[in-house]
Amino acid sequence: MNGRPESPGRGPTWIGIPALVLILLGVLVLVDITSRQRLSRDLLDDGMETVADSVQVEVTGGAGRPAISEVRVDFTAHGVDRIRTTLDSIRSDRQGMPEGVQAPAAGTRYAMPLHIVYRQSDPSTALALADAREWADDKHVSRLGLGLVGSGAALLLLAMLLLTVSARRRGLSWYQWYAEAPARHRR
């Protein structure tokens, strides 16, 4: 006996923390992809399509890896109104462009002529047509989110099972495993 009190079945609780983190990440992924898919489908079904008059991308140097942070477009909505807005739900791959605000390089995703779809009632809500189609058809990210939630839930159930088994081994009822003081359960 080493004189150290043994906790009554609290050891498996360390599994619960990563499980909760996985569940939280999975829920965040699902919320993000669901909102992107909803906006994309809404704009593809009921939105108006046009070609941008001008495009500017902002490439910023995040955590050591530059990425596109904004795509600003000017276009004519309803054939009359001139709209200047930032595209929603863009792909962040800079495709070799340097940092700074610039016109997109030829052959890149947001190069001219850039086809966009916008909400007729609110033209400032716009997506690149290629992005809208990609987000609407995306199944991979939602599977990832569901996988994270499922594996987190499985780990959480495993932690609960291990806690119950450990408490039973010590002669405690399943609901008493945490209520007993650790000092009472020395070996």
N, C-alpha and C. Protein backbone atom coordinates (compact mmCIF):
# COMPACT_ATOMS: atom_id res chain seq x y z
N MET A 1 0.85 -1.18 0.00
CA MET A 1 0.00 0.00 0.00
C MET A 1 0.89 1.23 0.00
N ASN A 2 0.63 2.12 -0.93
CA ASN A 2 1.47 3.30 -1.05
C ASN A 2 0.95 4.49 -0.26
N GLY A 3 -0.17 4.37 0.40
CA GLY A 3 -0.70 5.43 1.23
C GLY A 3 -1.43 6.51 0.45
N ARG A 4 -1.55 6.33 -0.82
CA ARG A 4 -2.24 7.31 -1.64
C ARG A 4 -3.70 6.91 -1.78
N PRO A 5 -4.63 7.81 -1.47
CA PRO A 5 -6.04 7.43 -1.60
C PRO A 5 -6.40 7.22 -3.06
N GLU A 6 -7.20 6.20 -3.29
CA GLU A 6 -7.65 5.94 -4.64
C GLU A 6 -9.04 6.49 -4.80
N SER A 7 -9.23 7.18 -5.82
CA SER A 7 -10.50 7.78 -6.10
C SER A 7 -11.51 6.70 -6.47
N PRO A 8 -12.76 6.83 -6.04
CA PRO A 8 -13.76 5.77 -6.30
C PRO A 8 -14.28 5.79 -7.72
N GLY A 9 -13.47 5.36 -8.66
CA GLY A 9 -13.95 5.23 -10.03
C GLY A 9 -13.87 6.49 -10.83
N ARG A 10 -13.16 7.49 -10.39
CA ARG A 10 -13.08 8.74 -11.14
C ARG A 10 -12.04 8.68 -12.25
N GLY A 11 -11.21 7.66 -12.28
CA GLY A 11 -10.17 7.54 -13.29
C GLY A 11 -10.67 7.66 -14.72
N PRO A 12 -11.75 6.98 -15.08
CA PRO A 12 -12.22 7.06 -16.47
C PRO A 12 -12.80 8.42 -16.89
N THR A 13 -12.92 9.36 -15.95
CA THR A 13 -13.48 10.66 -16.34
C THR A 13 -12.59 11.39 -17.34
N TRP A 14 -11.30 11.03 -17.40
CA TRP A 14 -10.42 11.69 -18.37
C TRP A 14 -10.87 11.41 -19.80
N ILE A 15 -11.59 10.34 -20.02
CA ILE A 15 -12.11 10.03 -21.36
C ILE A 15 -13.25 10.98 -21.72
N GLY A 16 -13.96 11.45 -20.71
CA GLY A 16 -15.11 12.32 -20.95
C GLY A 16 -14.75 13.67 -21.52
N ILE A 17 -13.60 14.21 -21.15
CA ILE A 17 -13.21 15.54 -21.64
C ILE A 17 -12.96 15.53 -23.15
N PRO A 18 -12.12 14.62 -23.68
CA PRO A 18 -11.98 14.60 -25.14
C PRO A 18 -13.30 14.27 -25.85
N ALA A 19 -14.13 13.47 -25.20
CA ALA A 19 -15.42 13.13 -25.80
C ALA A 19 -16.28 14.38 -25.97
N LEU A 20 -16.31 15.21 -24.95
CA LEU A 20 -17.09 16.44 -25.03
C LEU A 20 -16.51 17.41 -26.06
N VAL A 21 -15.19 17.44 -26.16
CA VAL A 21 -14.54 18.30 -27.17
C VAL A 21 -14.90 17.81 -28.58
N LEU A 22 -14.87 16.50 -28.80
CA LEU A 22 -15.25 15.96 -30.11
C LEU A 22 -16.71 16.28 -30.46
N ILE A 23 -17.58 16.13 -29.48
CA ILE A 23 -19.00 16.44 -29.71
C ILE A 23 -19.17 17.92 -30.05
N LEU A 24 -18.50 18.80 -29.30
CA LEU A 24 -18.61 20.23 -29.56
C LEU A 24 -18.08 20.58 -30.95
N LEU A 25 -16.93 20.04 -31.33
CA LEU A 25 -16.39 20.29 -32.66
C LEU A 25 -17.33 19.78 -33.75
N GLY A 26 -17.88 18.59 -33.55
CA GLY A 26 -18.82 18.04 -34.52
C GLY A 26 -20.05 18.90 -34.69
N VAL A 27 -20.58 19.40 -33.58
CA VAL A 27 -21.76 20.27 -33.65
C VAL A 27 -21.43 21.57 -34.37
N LEU A 28 -20.26 22.14 -34.09
CA LEU A 28 -19.85 23.37 -34.78
C LEU A 28 -19.69 23.15 -36.28
N VAL A 29 -19.10 22.03 -36.67
CA VAL A 29 -18.95 21.71 -38.10
C VAL A 29 -20.32 21.56 -38.74
N LEU A 30 -21.23 20.86 -38.07
CA LEU A 30 -22.57 20.66 -38.63
C LEU A 30 -23.35 21.96 -38.76
N VAL A 31 -23.23 22.84 -37.77
CA VAL A 31 -23.92 24.13 -37.84
C VAL A 31 -23.37 24.95 -39.00
N ASP A 32 -22.04 24.97 -39.15
CA ASP A 32 -21.42 25.74 -40.23
C ASP A 32 -21.83 25.22 -41.60
N ILE A 33 -21.72 23.92 -41.81
CA ILE A 33 -22.05 23.38 -43.13
C ILE A 33 -23.55 23.49 -43.42
N THR A 34 -24.36 23.34 -42.40
CA THR A 34 -25.81 23.47 -42.61
C THR A 34 -26.18 24.88 -43.04
N SER A 35 -25.57 25.88 -42.41
CA SER A 35 -25.89 27.26 -42.80
C SER A 35 -25.36 27.56 -44.20
N ARG A 36 -24.18 27.05 -44.54
CA ARG A 36 -23.65 27.25 -45.90
C ARG A 36 -24.52 26.57 -46.95
N GLN A 37 -24.93 25.34 -46.65
CA GLN A 37 -25.77 24.63 -47.61
C GLN A 37 -27.13 25.30 -47.77
N ARG A 38 -27.70 25.76 -46.68
CA ARG A 38 -29.00 26.43 -46.74
C ARG A 38 -28.91 27.69 -47.59
N LEU A 39 -27.88 28.52 -47.34
CA LEU A 39 -27.71 29.74 -48.13
C LEU A 39 -27.46 29.40 -49.60
N SER A 40 -26.62 28.42 -49.86
CA SER A 40 -26.32 28.04 -51.24
C SER A 40 -27.56 27.57 -51.98
N ARG A 41 -28.31 26.69 -51.36
CA ARG A 41 -29.53 26.17 -52.01
C ARG A 41 -30.56 27.28 -52.23
N ASP A 42 -30.67 28.18 -51.23
CA ASP A 42 -31.60 29.29 -51.35
C ASP A 42 -31.21 30.19 -52.53
N LEU A 43 -29.93 30.50 -52.64
CA LEU A 43 -29.49 31.37 -53.75
C LEU A 43 -29.57 30.67 -55.10
N LEU A 44 -29.25 29.37 -55.13
CA LEU A 44 -29.34 28.65 -56.41
C LEU A 44 -30.79 28.50 -56.86
N ASP A 45 -31.71 28.31 -55.91
CA ASP A 45 -33.12 28.13 -56.26
C ASP A 45 -33.83 29.44 -56.56
N ASP A 46 -33.64 30.44 -55.70
CA ASP A 46 -34.42 31.67 -55.81
C ASP A 46 -33.61 32.92 -56.11
N GLY A 47 -32.29 32.77 -56.18
CA GLY A 47 -31.44 33.94 -56.37
C GLY A 47 -31.32 34.35 -57.83
N MET A 48 -30.65 35.47 -58.03
CA MET A 48 -30.40 35.99 -59.36
C MET A 48 -28.93 35.76 -59.69
N GLU A 49 -28.66 35.43 -60.94
CA GLU A 49 -27.28 35.21 -61.37
C GLU A 49 -26.82 36.39 -62.21
N THR A 50 -25.57 36.78 -62.00
CA THR A 50 -24.97 37.85 -62.78
C THR A 50 -23.46 37.66 -62.82
N VAL A 51 -22.79 38.51 -63.58
CA VAL A 51 -21.33 38.48 -63.65
C VAL A 51 -20.82 39.74 -62.96
N ALA A 52 -19.82 39.57 -62.09
CA ALA A 52 -19.25 40.70 -61.36
C ALA A 52 -18.54 41.65 -62.31
N ASP A 53 -18.69 42.96 -62.03
CA ASP A 53 -18.01 43.98 -62.82
C ASP A 53 -16.54 44.11 -62.41
N SER A 54 -16.28 43.95 -61.12
CA SER A 54 -14.90 43.97 -60.62
C SER A 54 -14.79 43.07 -59.39
N VAL A 55 -13.59 42.53 -59.19
CA VAL A 55 -13.34 41.61 -58.07
C VAL A 55 -12.01 41.99 -57.44
N GLN A 56 -11.99 42.04 -56.11
CA GLN A 56 -10.76 42.25 -55.35
C GLN A 56 -10.70 41.19 -54.27
N VAL A 57 -9.55 40.51 -54.14
CA VAL A 57 -9.37 39.53 -53.07
C VAL A 57 -8.37 40.09 -52.08
N GLU A 58 -8.59 39.76 -50.82
CA GLU A 58 -7.65 40.14 -49.77
C GLU A 58 -7.01 38.86 -49.26
N VAL A 59 -5.70 38.77 -49.44
CA VAL A 59 -4.94 37.62 -48.97
C VAL A 59 -4.20 38.06 -47.72
N THR A 60 -4.48 37.38 -46.61
CA THR A 60 -3.82 37.71 -45.35
C THR A 60 -2.98 36.52 -44.90
N GLY A 61 -2.00 36.82 -44.08
CA GLY A 61 -1.07 35.79 -43.66
C GLY A 61 -1.42 35.15 -42.34
N GLY A 62 -2.51 34.64 -42.10
CA GLY A 62 -2.92 33.93 -40.88
C GLY A 62 -1.80 33.35 -40.05
N ALA A 63 -1.90 32.15 -39.64
CA ALA A 63 -0.92 31.48 -38.77
C ALA A 63 0.20 30.88 -39.61
N GLY A 64 0.94 31.74 -40.30
CA GLY A 64 2.06 31.24 -41.09
C GLY A 64 1.70 30.77 -42.49
N ARG A 65 0.41 30.72 -42.80
CA ARG A 65 -0.01 30.25 -44.12
C ARG A 65 -1.02 31.26 -44.69
N PRO A 66 -0.62 32.04 -45.68
CA PRO A 66 -1.54 33.02 -46.25
C PRO A 66 -2.80 32.36 -46.82
N ALA A 67 -3.91 33.09 -46.70
CA ALA A 67 -5.19 32.59 -47.20
C ALA A 67 -6.05 33.76 -47.62
N ILE A 68 -7.03 33.51 -48.47
CA ILE A 68 -7.97 34.55 -48.87
C ILE A 68 -8.92 34.78 -47.70
N SER A 69 -8.97 36.02 -47.24
CA SER A 69 -9.88 36.33 -46.13
C SER A 69 -11.16 37.00 -46.60
N GLU A 70 -11.10 37.71 -47.72
CA GLU A 70 -12.29 38.38 -48.26
C GLU A 70 -12.24 38.43 -49.77
N VAL A 71 -13.41 38.37 -50.37
CA VAL A 71 -13.55 38.60 -51.81
C VAL A 71 -14.62 39.69 -51.95
N ARG A 72 -14.19 40.86 -52.44
CA ARG A 72 -15.10 42.00 -52.62
C ARG A 72 -15.48 42.09 -54.10
N VAL A 73 -16.75 42.25 -54.33
CA VAL A 73 -17.23 42.33 -55.72
C VAL A 73 -18.11 43.55 -55.92
N ASP A 74 -18.11 44.06 -57.13
CA ASP A 74 -19.05 45.09 -57.58
C ASP A 74 -19.85 44.46 -58.70
N PHE A 75 -21.16 44.66 -58.65
CA PHE A 75 -22.02 44.14 -59.72
C PHE A 75 -23.28 44.97 -59.82
N THR A 76 -23.97 44.77 -60.91
CA THR A 76 -25.23 45.47 -61.13
C THR A 76 -26.37 44.52 -60.82
N ALA A 77 -27.19 44.90 -59.85
CA ALA A 77 -28.33 44.06 -59.44
C ALA A 77 -29.61 44.59 -60.08
N HIS A 78 -30.44 43.70 -60.52
CA HIS A 78 -31.73 44.03 -61.14
C HIS A 78 -31.56 44.92 -62.36
N GLY A 79 -30.35 44.95 -62.92
CA GLY A 79 -30.10 45.77 -64.10
C GLY A 79 -30.00 47.25 -63.82
N VAL A 80 -30.12 47.67 -62.55
CA VAL A 80 -30.11 49.10 -62.23
C VAL A 80 -29.15 49.43 -61.08
N ASP A 81 -29.32 48.76 -59.95
CA ASP A 81 -28.57 49.09 -58.74
C ASP A 81 -27.13 48.61 -58.81
N ARG A 82 -26.21 49.48 -58.47
CA ARG A 82 -24.80 49.11 -58.38
C ARG A 82 -24.54 48.67 -56.94
N ILE A 83 -24.08 47.44 -56.78
CA ILE A 83 -23.87 46.86 -55.46
C ILE A 83 -22.40 46.58 -55.26
N ARG A 84 -21.88 46.92 -54.08
CA ARG A 84 -20.52 46.56 -53.67
C ARG A 84 -20.68 45.77 -52.37
N THR A 85 -20.21 44.52 -52.41
CA THR A 85 -20.39 43.64 -51.23
C THR A 85 -19.23 42.66 -51.12
N THR A 86 -19.21 41.95 -50.02
CA THR A 86 -18.23 40.89 -49.78
C THR A 86 -18.94 39.56 -49.95
N LEU A 87 -18.35 38.63 -50.68
CA LEU A 87 -18.96 37.33 -50.88
C LEU A 87 -18.99 36.53 -49.58
N ASP A 88 -20.05 35.79 -49.37
CA ASP A 88 -20.18 34.90 -48.21
C ASP A 88 -19.54 33.55 -48.53
N SER A 89 -19.12 32.85 -47.51
CA SER A 89 -18.67 31.45 -47.60
C SER A 89 -17.69 31.20 -48.74
N ILE A 90 -16.56 31.86 -48.67
CA ILE A 90 -15.55 31.71 -49.71
C ILE A 90 -14.58 30.58 -49.37
N ARG A 91 -13.87 30.09 -50.39
CA ARG A 91 -12.77 29.15 -50.18
C ARG A 91 -11.54 29.97 -49.86
N SER A 92 -10.77 29.55 -48.88
CA SER A 92 -9.64 30.37 -48.43
C SER A 92 -8.33 30.08 -49.15
N ASP A 93 -8.30 29.15 -50.07
CA ASP A 93 -7.07 28.81 -50.78
C ASP A 93 -6.61 29.99 -51.63
N ARG A 94 -5.44 30.53 -51.35
CA ARG A 94 -4.95 31.72 -52.05
C ARG A 94 -4.48 31.44 -53.46
N GLN A 95 -4.26 30.20 -53.80
CA GLN A 95 -3.88 29.77 -55.15
C GLN A 95 -2.66 30.52 -55.68
N GLY A 96 -1.66 30.67 -54.81
CA GLY A 96 -0.40 31.27 -55.22
C GLY A 96 -0.35 32.78 -55.23
N MET A 97 -1.40 33.47 -54.84
CA MET A 97 -1.39 34.93 -54.84
C MET A 97 -0.64 35.44 -53.61
N PRO A 98 0.10 36.55 -53.75
CA PRO A 98 0.81 37.12 -52.60
C PRO A 98 -0.15 37.81 -51.62
N GLU A 99 0.35 38.15 -50.44
CA GLU A 99 -0.48 38.84 -49.46
C GLU A 99 -0.84 40.23 -49.94
N GLY A 100 -2.02 40.70 -49.49
CA GLY A 100 -2.47 42.04 -49.83
C GLY A 100 -3.79 42.01 -50.58
N VAL A 101 -4.31 43.20 -50.88
CA VAL A 101 -5.55 43.36 -51.64
C VAL A 101 -5.17 43.48 -53.11
N GLN A 102 -5.81 42.69 -53.95
CA GLN A 102 -5.44 42.64 -55.36
C GLN A 102 -6.55 42.05 -56.20
N ALA A 103 -6.43 42.26 -57.50
CA ALA A 103 -7.33 41.56 -58.43
C ALA A 103 -6.89 40.11 -58.46
N PRO A 104 -7.82 39.17 -58.50
CA PRO A 104 -7.43 37.76 -58.51
C PRO A 104 -6.62 37.41 -59.76
N ALA A 105 -5.65 36.55 -59.56
CA ALA A 105 -4.81 36.13 -60.68
C ALA A 105 -5.64 35.34 -61.69
N ALA A 106 -5.26 35.46 -62.95
CA ALA A 106 -5.96 34.73 -64.01
C ALA A 106 -5.90 33.23 -63.75
N GLY A 107 -7.01 32.57 -63.98
CA GLY A 107 -7.07 31.12 -63.80
C GLY A 107 -7.38 30.68 -62.38
N THR A 108 -7.51 31.63 -61.44
CA THR A 108 -7.85 31.26 -60.07
C THR A 108 -9.36 31.21 -59.90
N ARG A 109 -9.81 30.74 -58.79
CA ARG A 109 -11.23 30.52 -58.53
C ARG A 109 -12.07 31.79 -58.68
N TYR A 110 -11.55 32.93 -58.25
CA TYR A 110 -12.34 34.18 -58.26
C TYR A 110 -11.92 35.14 -59.37
N ALA A 111 -11.23 34.62 -60.39
CA ALA A 111 -10.79 35.46 -61.51
C ALA A 111 -12.00 35.89 -62.34
N MET A 112 -11.81 36.98 -63.08
CA MET A 112 -12.86 37.48 -63.96
C MET A 112 -12.95 36.56 -65.17
N PRO A 113 -14.08 36.33 -65.77
CA PRO A 113 -15.40 36.78 -65.36
C PRO A 113 -15.93 35.89 -64.22
N LEU A 114 -16.29 36.51 -63.13
CA LEU A 114 -16.77 35.79 -61.94
C LEU A 114 -18.30 35.79 -61.94
N HIS A 115 -18.87 34.61 -62.07
CA HIS A 115 -20.33 34.47 -62.00
C HIS A 115 -20.73 34.38 -60.54
N ILE A 116 -21.71 35.20 -60.17
CA ILE A 116 -22.19 35.20 -58.79
C ILE A 116 -23.70 35.04 -58.77
N VAL A 117 -24.21 34.58 -57.63
CA VAL A 117 -25.65 34.54 -57.39
C VAL A 117 -25.91 35.39 -56.16
N TYR A 118 -27.00 36.14 -56.19
CA TYR A 118 -27.32 37.01 -55.06
C TYR A 118 -28.81 36.92 -54.74
N ARG A 119 -29.14 37.31 -53.54
CA ARG A 119 -30.53 37.30 -53.09
C ARG A 119 -31.21 38.54 -53.67
N GLN A 120 -32.31 38.34 -54.33
CA GLN A 120 -33.00 39.45 -54.99
C GLN A 120 -33.48 40.48 -53.97
N SER A 121 -33.96 40.04 -52.83
CA SER A 121 -34.46 40.97 -51.81
C SER A 121 -33.33 41.68 -51.07
N ASP A 122 -32.14 41.07 -51.03
CA ASP A 122 -30.98 41.66 -50.35
C ASP A 122 -29.74 41.36 -51.18
N PRO A 123 -29.46 42.19 -52.19
CA PRO A 123 -28.33 41.91 -53.09
C PRO A 123 -26.97 41.86 -52.41
N SER A 124 -26.86 42.36 -51.18
CA SER A 124 -25.56 42.29 -50.50
C SER A 124 -25.24 40.87 -50.04
N THR A 125 -26.20 39.97 -50.09
CA THR A 125 -25.96 38.56 -49.79
C THR A 125 -25.68 37.85 -51.11
N ALA A 126 -24.39 37.53 -51.31
CA ALA A 126 -23.99 36.96 -52.59
C ALA A 126 -22.94 35.87 -52.39
N LEU A 127 -22.91 34.94 -53.32
CA LEU A 127 -21.93 33.86 -53.36
C LEU A 127 -21.41 33.73 -54.78
N ALA A 128 -20.17 33.29 -54.89
CA ALA A 128 -19.66 32.91 -56.21
C ALA A 128 -20.46 31.69 -56.64
N LEU A 129 -20.85 31.62 -57.88
CA LEU A 129 -21.66 30.51 -58.37
C LEU A 129 -20.96 29.18 -58.15
N ALA A 130 -19.65 29.13 -58.37
CA ALA A 130 -18.89 27.89 -58.15
C ALA A 130 -18.95 27.46 -56.68
N ASP A 131 -18.85 28.43 -55.75
CA ASP A 131 -18.94 28.12 -54.32
C ASP A 131 -20.34 27.63 -53.95
N ALA A 132 -21.36 28.30 -54.48
CA ALA A 132 -22.74 27.91 -54.17
C ALA A 132 -23.00 26.47 -54.61
N ARG A 133 -22.55 26.11 -55.80
CA ARG A 133 -22.74 24.73 -56.28
C ARG A 133 -21.96 23.74 -55.42
N GLU A 134 -20.73 24.10 -55.07
CA GLU A 134 -19.90 23.21 -54.26
C GLU A 134 -20.50 22.99 -52.87
N TRP A 135 -20.93 24.07 -52.22
CA TRP A 135 -21.50 23.93 -50.87
C TRP A 135 -22.82 23.17 -50.91
N ALA A 136 -23.63 23.42 -51.92
CA ALA A 136 -24.93 22.74 -52.00
C ALA A 136 -24.76 21.23 -52.17
N ASP A 137 -23.72 20.81 -52.88
CA ASP A 137 -23.50 19.38 -53.14
C ASP A 137 -22.59 18.70 -52.13
N ASP A 138 -22.03 19.45 -51.18
CA ASP A 138 -21.04 18.89 -50.25
C ASP A 138 -21.66 17.89 -49.29
N LYS A 139 -21.13 16.69 -49.30
CA LYS A 139 -21.56 15.63 -48.37
C LYS A 139 -20.43 15.25 -47.42
N HIS A 140 -19.18 15.53 -47.83
CA HIS A 140 -18.01 15.12 -47.06
C HIS A 140 -17.96 15.81 -45.69
N VAL A 141 -18.17 17.12 -45.64
CA VAL A 141 -18.04 17.86 -44.39
C VAL A 141 -19.13 17.46 -43.41
N SER A 142 -20.35 17.23 -43.89
CA SER A 142 -21.41 16.82 -42.97
C SER A 142 -21.13 15.43 -42.40
N ARG A 143 -20.52 14.56 -43.21
CA ARG A 143 -20.13 13.24 -42.69
C ARG A 143 -19.06 13.38 -41.62
N LEU A 144 -18.14 14.31 -41.83
CA LEU A 144 -17.09 14.57 -40.84
C LEU A 144 -17.71 15.03 -39.53
N GLY A 145 -18.65 15.97 -39.61
CA GLY A 145 -19.32 16.46 -38.40
C GLY A 145 -20.08 15.36 -37.68
N LEU A 146 -20.80 14.55 -38.44
CA LEU A 146 -21.53 13.43 -37.83
C LEU A 146 -20.57 12.42 -37.22
N GLY A 147 -19.44 12.19 -37.87
CA GLY A 147 -18.43 11.28 -37.33
C GLY A 147 -17.85 11.78 -36.02
N LEU A 148 -17.59 13.09 -35.95
CA LEU A 148 -17.07 13.67 -34.71
C LEU A 148 -18.08 13.55 -33.58
N VAL A 149 -19.33 13.86 -33.87
CA VAL A 149 -20.37 13.74 -32.84
C VAL A 149 -20.55 12.28 -32.42
N GLY A 150 -20.57 11.38 -33.37
CA GLY A 150 -20.74 9.95 -33.06
C GLY A 150 -19.59 9.39 -32.25
N SER A 151 -18.34 9.72 -32.64
CA SER A 151 -17.20 9.20 -31.88
C SER A 151 -17.13 9.83 -30.50
N GLY A 152 -17.50 11.10 -30.38
CA GLY A 152 -17.55 11.73 -29.06
C GLY A 152 -18.60 11.10 -28.17
N ALA A 153 -19.76 10.81 -28.74
CA ALA A 153 -20.82 10.16 -27.96
C ALA A 153 -20.40 8.75 -27.55
N ALA A 154 -19.71 8.03 -28.43
CA ALA A 154 -19.24 6.68 -28.09
C ALA A 154 -18.22 6.74 -26.96
N LEU A 155 -17.30 7.71 -27.02
CA LEU A 155 -16.33 7.85 -25.94
C LEU A 155 -17.00 8.24 -24.62
N LEU A 156 -18.01 9.08 -24.70
CA LEU A 156 -18.75 9.48 -23.50
C LEU A 156 -19.46 8.28 -22.88
N LEU A 157 -20.07 7.46 -23.71
CA LEU A 157 -20.72 6.25 -23.20
C LEU A 157 -19.70 5.28 -22.60
N LEU A 158 -18.53 5.18 -23.23
CA LEU A 158 -17.47 4.33 -22.69
C LEU A 158 -17.03 4.84 -21.32
N ALA A 159 -16.85 6.14 -21.18
CA ALA A 159 -16.46 6.71 -19.88
C ALA A 159 -17.51 6.41 -18.83
N MET A 160 -18.78 6.55 -19.17
CA MET A 160 -19.86 6.27 -18.22
C MET A 160 -19.86 4.80 -17.83
N LEU A 161 -19.66 3.92 -18.80
CA LEU A 161 -19.61 2.48 -18.52
C LEU A 161 -18.44 2.14 -17.60
N LEU A 162 -17.27 2.70 -17.90
CA LEU A 162 -16.09 2.43 -17.07
C LEU A 162 -16.27 2.98 -15.65
N LEU A 163 -16.91 4.12 -15.53
CA LEU A 163 -17.17 4.67 -14.20
C LEU A 163 -18.11 3.77 -13.41
N THR A 164 -19.13 3.26 -14.07
CA THR A 164 -20.08 2.38 -13.41
C THR A 164 -19.42 1.07 -13.00
N VAL A 165 -18.62 0.50 -13.89
CA VAL A 165 -17.92 -0.76 -13.58
C VAL A 165 -16.97 -0.56 -12.41
N SER A 166 -16.23 0.54 -12.44
CA SER A 166 -15.27 0.82 -11.37
C SER A 166 -15.99 1.04 -10.04
N ALA A 167 -17.10 1.71 -10.05
CA ALA A 167 -17.86 1.93 -8.81
C ALA A 167 -18.42 0.62 -8.29
N ARG A 168 -18.93 -0.22 -9.17
CA ARG A 168 -19.46 -1.53 -8.77
C ARG A 168 -18.36 -2.40 -8.14
N ARG A 169 -17.17 -2.33 -8.73
CA ARG A 169 -16.05 -3.10 -8.22
C ARG A 169 -15.72 -2.69 -6.78
N ARG A 170 -15.97 -1.45 -6.45
CA ARG A 170 -15.70 -0.96 -5.10
C ARG A 170 -16.91 -1.12 -4.17
N GLY A 171 -17.95 -1.72 -4.66
CA GLY A 171 -19.13 -1.97 -3.84
C GLY A 171 -20.08 -0.80 -3.73
N LEU A 172 -19.97 0.16 -4.61
CA LEU A 172 -20.86 1.31 -4.59
C LEU A 172 -22.00 1.11 -5.58
N SER A 173 -23.10 1.72 -5.30
CA SER A 173 -24.19 1.75 -6.28
C SER A 173 -23.76 2.65 -7.42
N TRP A 174 -24.35 2.48 -8.59
CA TRP A 174 -23.96 3.26 -9.76
C TRP A 174 -24.11 4.75 -9.54
N TYR A 175 -25.04 5.17 -8.68
CA TYR A 175 -25.26 6.59 -8.47
C TYR A 175 -24.39 7.16 -7.35
N GLN A 176 -23.64 6.33 -6.63
CA GLN A 176 -22.82 6.80 -5.53
C GLN A 176 -21.35 6.94 -5.89
N TRP A 177 -20.94 6.64 -7.09
CA TRP A 177 -19.53 6.58 -7.43
C TRP A 177 -18.81 7.90 -7.17
N TYR A 178 -19.49 9.00 -7.30
CA TYR A 178 -18.83 10.28 -7.13
C TYR A 178 -19.10 10.90 -5.76
N ALA A 179 -20.11 10.44 -5.09
CA ALA A 179 -20.52 11.03 -3.83
C ALA A 179 -19.61 10.64 -2.66
N GLU A 180 -18.97 9.51 -2.74
CA GLU A 180 -18.12 9.03 -1.65
C GLU A 180 -16.78 9.76 -1.66
N ALA A 181 -16.27 10.06 -0.50
CA ALA A 181 -14.97 10.74 -0.38
C ALA A 181 -13.85 9.77 -0.78
N PRO A 182 -12.83 10.25 -1.48
CA PRO A 182 -11.75 9.37 -1.92
C PRO A 182 -11.01 8.71 -0.76
N ALA A 183 -10.90 9.36 0.37
CA ALA A 183 -10.15 8.83 1.51
C ALA A 183 -10.79 7.55 2.04
N ARG A 184 -12.04 7.32 1.84
CA ARG A 184 -12.72 6.15 2.35
C ARG A 184 -12.40 4.90 1.55
N HIS A 185 -11.78 5.06 0.42
CA HIS A 185 -11.56 3.92 -0.48
C HIS A 185 -10.09 3.64 -0.71
N ARG A 186 -9.34 3.56 0.34
CA ARG A 186 -7.92 3.22 0.24
C ARG A 186 -7.76 1.73 0.09
N ARG A 187 -6.74 1.34 -0.60
CA ARG A 187 -6.46 -0.09 -0.73
C ARG A 187 -5.40 -0.50 0.23
